[in-house]
Amino acid sequence: MSEDPFVYVYVRVANEVEAEIRSGRLPHGARLPNEREMGAQYGVAPGTARRAVKELRDRGLVVTLPNKGTFVVAPTT
């Protein structure tokens, strides 16, 4: 993960996941790890991972289905 001191950590995590989506490493329909697993994967707190997922939802890259998980949707560009 890049260490830009002028960017919030949750934005850095969201940018990293977005790069994985756009590269195809996380394809359409792929399920993201839960907040605890994502936090461990990126070395951040679960709350930071939660905020990163919200950022990804705001960007239109993922959708969260209650009691099912968060899934990648096809990026528009």
N, C-alpha and C. Protein backbone atom coordinates (compact mmCIF):
# COMPACT_ATOMS: atom_id res chain seq x y z
N MET A 1 0.85 -1.17 0.00
CA MET A 1 0.00 0.00 0.00
C MET A 1 0.89 1.23 0.00
N SER A 2 0.59 2.19 -0.86
CA SER A 2 1.40 3.41 -0.94
C SER A 2 1.24 4.22 0.34
N GLU A 3 2.25 4.97 0.67
CA GLU A 3 2.27 5.73 1.92
C GLU A 3 2.24 7.23 1.64
N ASP A 4 1.19 7.74 1.03
CA ASP A 4 1.03 9.17 0.80
C ASP A 4 0.54 9.80 2.10
N PRO A 5 1.34 10.69 2.73
CA PRO A 5 0.94 11.23 4.02
C PRO A 5 -0.25 12.20 3.95
N PHE A 6 -0.66 12.59 2.76
CA PHE A 6 -1.74 13.56 2.63
C PHE A 6 -3.06 12.93 2.22
N VAL A 7 -3.16 11.61 2.35
CA VAL A 7 -4.38 10.88 2.00
C VAL A 7 -4.79 10.05 3.21
N TYR A 8 -6.07 10.05 3.53
CA TYR A 8 -6.58 9.23 4.62
C TYR A 8 -6.29 7.76 4.34
N VAL A 9 -6.08 7.00 5.40
CA VAL A 9 -5.76 5.58 5.27
C VAL A 9 -6.90 4.84 4.57
N TYR A 10 -8.15 5.15 4.90
CA TYR A 10 -9.27 4.44 4.27
C TYR A 10 -9.31 4.71 2.77
N VAL A 11 -8.89 5.89 2.34
CA VAL A 11 -8.85 6.21 0.91
C VAL A 11 -7.74 5.40 0.24
N ARG A 12 -6.61 5.24 0.92
CA ARG A 12 -5.52 4.42 0.37
C ARG A 12 -5.98 2.98 0.18
N VAL A 13 -6.69 2.44 1.17
CA VAL A 13 -7.21 1.07 1.05
C VAL A 13 -8.20 0.99 -0.10
N ALA A 14 -9.11 1.94 -0.19
CA ALA A 14 -10.10 1.95 -1.27
C ALA A 14 -9.41 2.05 -2.63
N ASN A 15 -8.38 2.87 -2.73
CA ASN A 15 -7.64 3.00 -3.99
C ASN A 15 -6.98 1.68 -4.38
N GLU A 16 -6.43 0.98 -3.40
CA GLU A 16 -5.79 -0.31 -3.65
C GLU A 16 -6.81 -1.34 -4.14
N VAL A 17 -7.96 -1.39 -3.49
CA VAL A 17 -9.00 -2.34 -3.91
C VAL A 17 -9.53 -1.96 -5.28
N GLU A 18 -9.70 -0.67 -5.53
CA GLU A 18 -10.15 -0.22 -6.85
C GLU A 18 -9.16 -0.66 -7.93
N ALA A 19 -7.88 -0.54 -7.66
CA ALA A 19 -6.86 -0.97 -8.63
C ALA A 19 -6.98 -2.46 -8.91
N GLU A 20 -7.26 -3.26 -7.87
CA GLU A 20 -7.44 -4.69 -8.05
C GLU A 20 -8.68 -4.99 -8.89
N ILE A 21 -9.73 -4.21 -8.69
CA ILE A 21 -10.96 -4.39 -9.48
C ILE A 21 -10.70 -4.05 -10.94
N ARG A 22 -10.08 -2.91 -11.17
CA ARG A 22 -9.86 -2.45 -12.55
C ARG A 22 -8.86 -3.34 -13.30
N SER A 23 -7.93 -3.96 -12.56
CA SER A 23 -6.96 -4.85 -13.22
C SER A 23 -7.55 -6.22 -13.52
N GLY A 24 -8.70 -6.53 -12.91
CA GLY A 24 -9.33 -7.82 -13.12
C GLY A 24 -8.96 -8.85 -12.07
N ARG A 25 -8.09 -8.50 -11.14
CA ARG A 25 -7.74 -9.43 -10.06
C ARG A 25 -8.93 -9.68 -9.15
N LEU A 26 -9.83 -8.71 -9.05
CA LEU A 26 -11.10 -8.88 -8.36
C LEU A 26 -12.19 -8.72 -9.42
N PRO A 27 -12.67 -9.81 -9.99
CA PRO A 27 -13.62 -9.72 -11.10
C PRO A 27 -15.03 -9.40 -10.64
N HIS A 28 -15.87 -9.06 -11.60
CA HIS A 28 -17.29 -8.81 -11.36
C HIS A 28 -17.88 -10.00 -10.61
N GLY A 29 -18.58 -9.72 -9.51
CA GLY A 29 -19.21 -10.77 -8.72
C GLY A 29 -18.36 -11.31 -7.59
N ALA A 30 -17.08 -10.93 -7.56
CA ALA A 30 -16.20 -11.41 -6.48
C ALA A 30 -16.65 -10.83 -5.15
N ARG A 31 -16.56 -11.66 -4.11
CA ARG A 31 -16.94 -11.22 -2.77
C ARG A 31 -15.71 -10.67 -2.08
N LEU A 32 -15.85 -9.48 -1.50
CA LEU A 32 -14.75 -8.90 -0.72
C LEU A 32 -14.67 -9.59 0.63
N PRO A 33 -13.48 -9.60 1.24
CA PRO A 33 -13.37 -10.16 2.59
C PRO A 33 -14.19 -9.33 3.57
N ASN A 34 -14.54 -9.93 4.72
CA ASN A 34 -15.26 -9.14 5.72
C ASN A 34 -14.31 -8.09 6.31
N GLU A 35 -14.86 -7.21 7.14
CA GLU A 35 -14.07 -6.08 7.65
C GLU A 35 -12.85 -6.52 8.44
N ARG A 36 -12.99 -7.55 9.25
CA ARG A 36 -11.86 -8.03 10.05
C ARG A 36 -10.77 -8.60 9.15
N GLU A 37 -11.18 -9.42 8.16
CA GLU A 37 -10.21 -10.01 7.23
C GLU A 37 -9.54 -8.93 6.37
N MET A 38 -10.34 -7.98 5.91
CA MET A 38 -9.79 -6.90 5.08
C MET A 38 -8.81 -6.05 5.90
N GLY A 39 -9.17 -5.79 7.16
CA GLY A 39 -8.28 -5.04 8.02
C GLY A 39 -6.95 -5.75 8.19
N ALA A 40 -6.99 -7.06 8.40
CA ALA A 40 -5.75 -7.84 8.54
C ALA A 40 -4.96 -7.85 7.24
N GLN A 41 -5.65 -7.97 6.12
CA GLN A 41 -4.99 -8.01 4.81
C GLN A 41 -4.25 -6.71 4.51
N TYR A 42 -4.83 -5.58 4.87
CA TYR A 42 -4.22 -4.28 4.55
C TYR A 42 -3.54 -3.64 5.75
N GLY A 43 -3.55 -4.31 6.89
CA GLY A 43 -2.87 -3.79 8.07
C GLY A 43 -3.54 -2.58 8.68
N VAL A 44 -4.88 -2.57 8.67
CA VAL A 44 -5.64 -1.46 9.22
C VAL A 44 -6.70 -2.00 10.18
N ALA A 45 -7.30 -1.12 10.94
CA ALA A 45 -8.37 -1.50 11.87
C ALA A 45 -9.64 -1.86 11.09
N PRO A 46 -10.49 -2.72 11.66
CA PRO A 46 -11.75 -3.06 10.99
C PRO A 46 -12.61 -1.84 10.66
N GLY A 47 -12.60 -0.82 11.51
CA GLY A 47 -13.37 0.39 11.22
C GLY A 47 -12.84 1.13 10.00
N THR A 48 -11.54 1.10 9.81
CA THR A 48 -10.93 1.71 8.61
C THR A 48 -11.34 0.92 7.38
N ALA A 49 -11.35 -0.40 7.48
CA ALA A 49 -11.79 -1.24 6.37
C ALA A 49 -13.25 -0.96 6.04
N ARG A 50 -14.08 -0.78 7.08
CA ARG A 50 -15.50 -0.47 6.88
C ARG A 50 -15.65 0.84 6.10
N ARG A 51 -14.86 1.82 6.48
CA ARG A 51 -14.93 3.12 5.79
C ARG A 51 -14.44 3.01 4.35
N ALA A 52 -13.42 2.17 4.11
CA ALA A 52 -12.94 1.95 2.75
C ALA A 52 -14.02 1.31 1.89
N VAL A 53 -14.77 0.36 2.46
CA VAL A 53 -15.86 -0.28 1.71
C VAL A 53 -16.95 0.74 1.40
N LYS A 54 -17.24 1.62 2.33
CA LYS A 54 -18.22 2.68 2.07
C LYS A 54 -17.74 3.55 0.91
N GLU A 55 -16.46 3.87 0.91
CA GLU A 55 -15.88 4.67 -0.18
C GLU A 55 -16.03 3.95 -1.52
N LEU A 56 -15.79 2.65 -1.52
CA LEU A 56 -15.95 1.86 -2.75
C LEU A 56 -17.41 1.83 -3.20
N ARG A 57 -18.33 1.75 -2.24
CA ARG A 57 -19.76 1.82 -2.60
C ARG A 57 -20.08 3.17 -3.21
N ASP A 58 -19.55 4.24 -2.60
CA ASP A 58 -19.79 5.59 -3.12
C ASP A 58 -19.24 5.75 -4.53
N ARG A 59 -18.16 5.05 -4.84
CA ARG A 59 -17.55 5.10 -6.18
C ARG A 59 -18.30 4.21 -7.16
N GLY A 60 -19.25 3.42 -6.68
CA GLY A 60 -20.03 2.55 -7.55
C GLY A 60 -19.31 1.28 -7.96
N LEU A 61 -18.31 0.86 -7.18
CA LEU A 61 -17.52 -0.31 -7.53
C LEU A 61 -17.98 -1.59 -6.83
N VAL A 62 -18.67 -1.43 -5.71
CA VAL A 62 -19.16 -2.60 -4.96
C VAL A 62 -20.57 -2.33 -4.49
N VAL A 63 -21.24 -3.42 -4.15
CA VAL A 63 -22.57 -3.34 -3.56
C VAL A 63 -22.58 -4.27 -2.35
N THR A 64 -23.21 -3.82 -1.27
CA THR A 64 -23.30 -4.63 -0.06
C THR A 64 -24.72 -5.14 0.09
N LEU A 65 -24.84 -6.46 0.23
CA LEU A 65 -26.14 -7.09 0.45
C LEU A 65 -26.17 -7.53 1.91
N PRO A 66 -27.12 -7.02 2.70
CA PRO A 66 -27.18 -7.38 4.11
C PRO A 66 -27.20 -8.90 4.31
N ASN A 67 -26.42 -9.36 5.27
CA ASN A 67 -26.30 -10.77 5.63
C ASN A 67 -25.70 -11.65 4.53
N LYS A 68 -25.23 -11.05 3.45
CA LYS A 68 -24.62 -11.82 2.35
C LYS A 68 -23.16 -11.43 2.15
N GLY A 69 -22.87 -10.12 2.16
CA GLY A 69 -21.51 -9.66 1.93
C GLY A 69 -21.45 -8.51 0.96
N THR A 70 -20.22 -8.15 0.60
CA THR A 70 -19.97 -7.06 -0.33
C THR A 70 -19.37 -7.65 -1.60
N PHE A 71 -19.94 -7.26 -2.74
CA PHE A 71 -19.56 -7.85 -4.01
C PHE A 71 -19.17 -6.78 -5.01
N VAL A 72 -18.22 -7.15 -5.89
CA VAL A 72 -17.76 -6.27 -6.95
C VAL A 72 -18.82 -6.19 -8.03
N VAL A 73 -19.09 -4.97 -8.49
CA VAL A 73 -19.96 -4.77 -9.65
C VAL A 73 -19.06 -4.31 -10.80
N ALA A 74 -19.55 -4.42 -12.00
CA ALA A 74 -18.75 -4.03 -13.16
C ALA A 74 -18.45 -2.55 -13.12
N PRO A 75 -17.17 -2.15 -13.19
CA PRO A 75 -16.86 -0.73 -13.21
C PRO A 75 -17.40 -0.08 -14.49
N THR A 76 -17.84 1.16 -14.38
CA THR A 76 -18.45 1.84 -15.53
C THR A 76 -17.42 2.31 -16.54
N THR A 77 -16.19 2.55 -16.09
CA THR A 77 -15.16 3.00 -17.04
C THR A 77 -13.92 2.17 -16.92
